[in-house]
Amino acid sequence: PSATASEVLAVIERIKAVARETRGIELETEVKVLGEDEFTF
């Protein structure tokens, strides 16, 4: 099965939240999102 772009972005945000909550670290997203003018990490 495939994932949609929205699903992938949701996973990225969840991973960042868990890292922040459990380890106290801020992860930086290095993925460039094309075609999403209003999306910010």
C-alpha atoms as a PDB file:
ATOM      1  CA  PRO A   1       0.000   0.000   0.000  1.00  0.00           C
ATOM      2  CA  SER A   2       1.038   3.555  -0.680  1.00  0.00           C
ATOM      3  CA  ALA A   3       0.912   6.602   1.554  1.00  0.00           C
ATOM      4  CA  THR A   4      -0.437   9.980   0.551  1.00  0.00           C
ATOM      5  CA  ALA A   5       1.627  13.130   0.919  1.00  0.00           C
ATOM      6  CA  SER A   6      -0.614  14.193   3.794  1.00  0.00           C
ATOM      7  CA  GLU A   7       0.020  10.903   5.586  1.00  0.00           C
ATOM      8  CA  VAL A   8       3.781  11.230   5.173  1.00  0.00           C
ATOM      9  CA  LEU A   9       3.713  14.801   6.505  1.00  0.00           C
ATOM     10  CA  ALA A  10       1.620  13.649   9.480  1.00  0.00           C
ATOM     11  CA  VAL A  11       4.200  10.956  10.295  1.00  0.00           C
ATOM     12  CA  ILE A  12       6.996  13.544  10.127  1.00  0.00           C
ATOM     13  CA  GLU A  13       5.132  15.807  12.547  1.00  0.00           C
ATOM     14  CA  ARG A  14       4.413  12.900  14.915  1.00  0.00           C
ATOM     15  CA  ILE A  15       8.066  11.824  14.980  1.00  0.00           C
ATOM     16  CA  LYS A  16       9.129  15.400  15.731  1.00  0.00           C
ATOM     17  CA  ALA A  17       6.565  15.649  18.549  1.00  0.00           C
ATOM     18  CA  VAL A  18       7.656  12.359  20.135  1.00  0.00           C
ATOM     19  CA  ALA A  19      11.338  13.374  19.977  1.00  0.00           C
ATOM     20  CA  ARG A  20      10.499  16.696  21.622  1.00  0.00           C
ATOM     21  CA  GLU A  21       8.295  15.140  24.330  1.00  0.00           C
ATOM     22  CA  THR A  22      10.431  12.115  25.207  1.00  0.00           C
ATOM     23  CA  ARG A  23      13.990  13.318  24.568  1.00  0.00           C
ATOM     24  CA  GLY A  24      13.682  17.093  24.761  1.00  0.00           C
ATOM     25  CA  ILE A  25      15.203  17.541  21.311  1.00  0.00           C
ATOM     26  CA  GLU A  26      13.988  19.501  18.317  1.00  0.00           C
ATOM     27  CA  LEU A  27      14.356  17.713  15.003  1.00  0.00           C
ATOM     28  CA  GLU A  28      14.754  19.791  11.858  1.00  0.00           C
ATOM     29  CA  THR A  29      12.962  18.644   8.746  1.00  0.00           C
ATOM     30  CA  GLU A  30      15.269  18.574   5.743  1.00  0.00           C
ATOM     31  CA  VAL A  31      12.583  17.558   3.273  1.00  0.00           C
ATOM     32  CA  LYS A  32      11.558  20.158   0.717  1.00  0.00           C
ATOM     33  CA  VAL A  33       7.815  19.990   0.115  1.00  0.00           C
ATOM     34  CA  LEU A  34       6.874  20.917  -3.441  1.00  0.00           C
ATOM     35  CA  GLY A  35       3.458  22.339  -4.239  1.00  0.00           C
ATOM     36  CA  GLU A  36       2.526  23.109  -0.632  1.00  0.00           C
ATOM     37  CA  ASP A  37       2.860  26.891  -0.318  1.00  0.00           C
ATOM     38  CA  GLU A  38       1.185  27.099   3.085  1.00  0.00           C
ATOM     39  CA  PHE A  39       2.927  24.178   4.802  1.00  0.00           C
ATOM     40  CA  THR A  40       5.607  24.964   7.363  1.00  0.00           C
ATOM     41  CA  PHE A  41       7.629  22.662   9.595  1.00  0.00           C
END
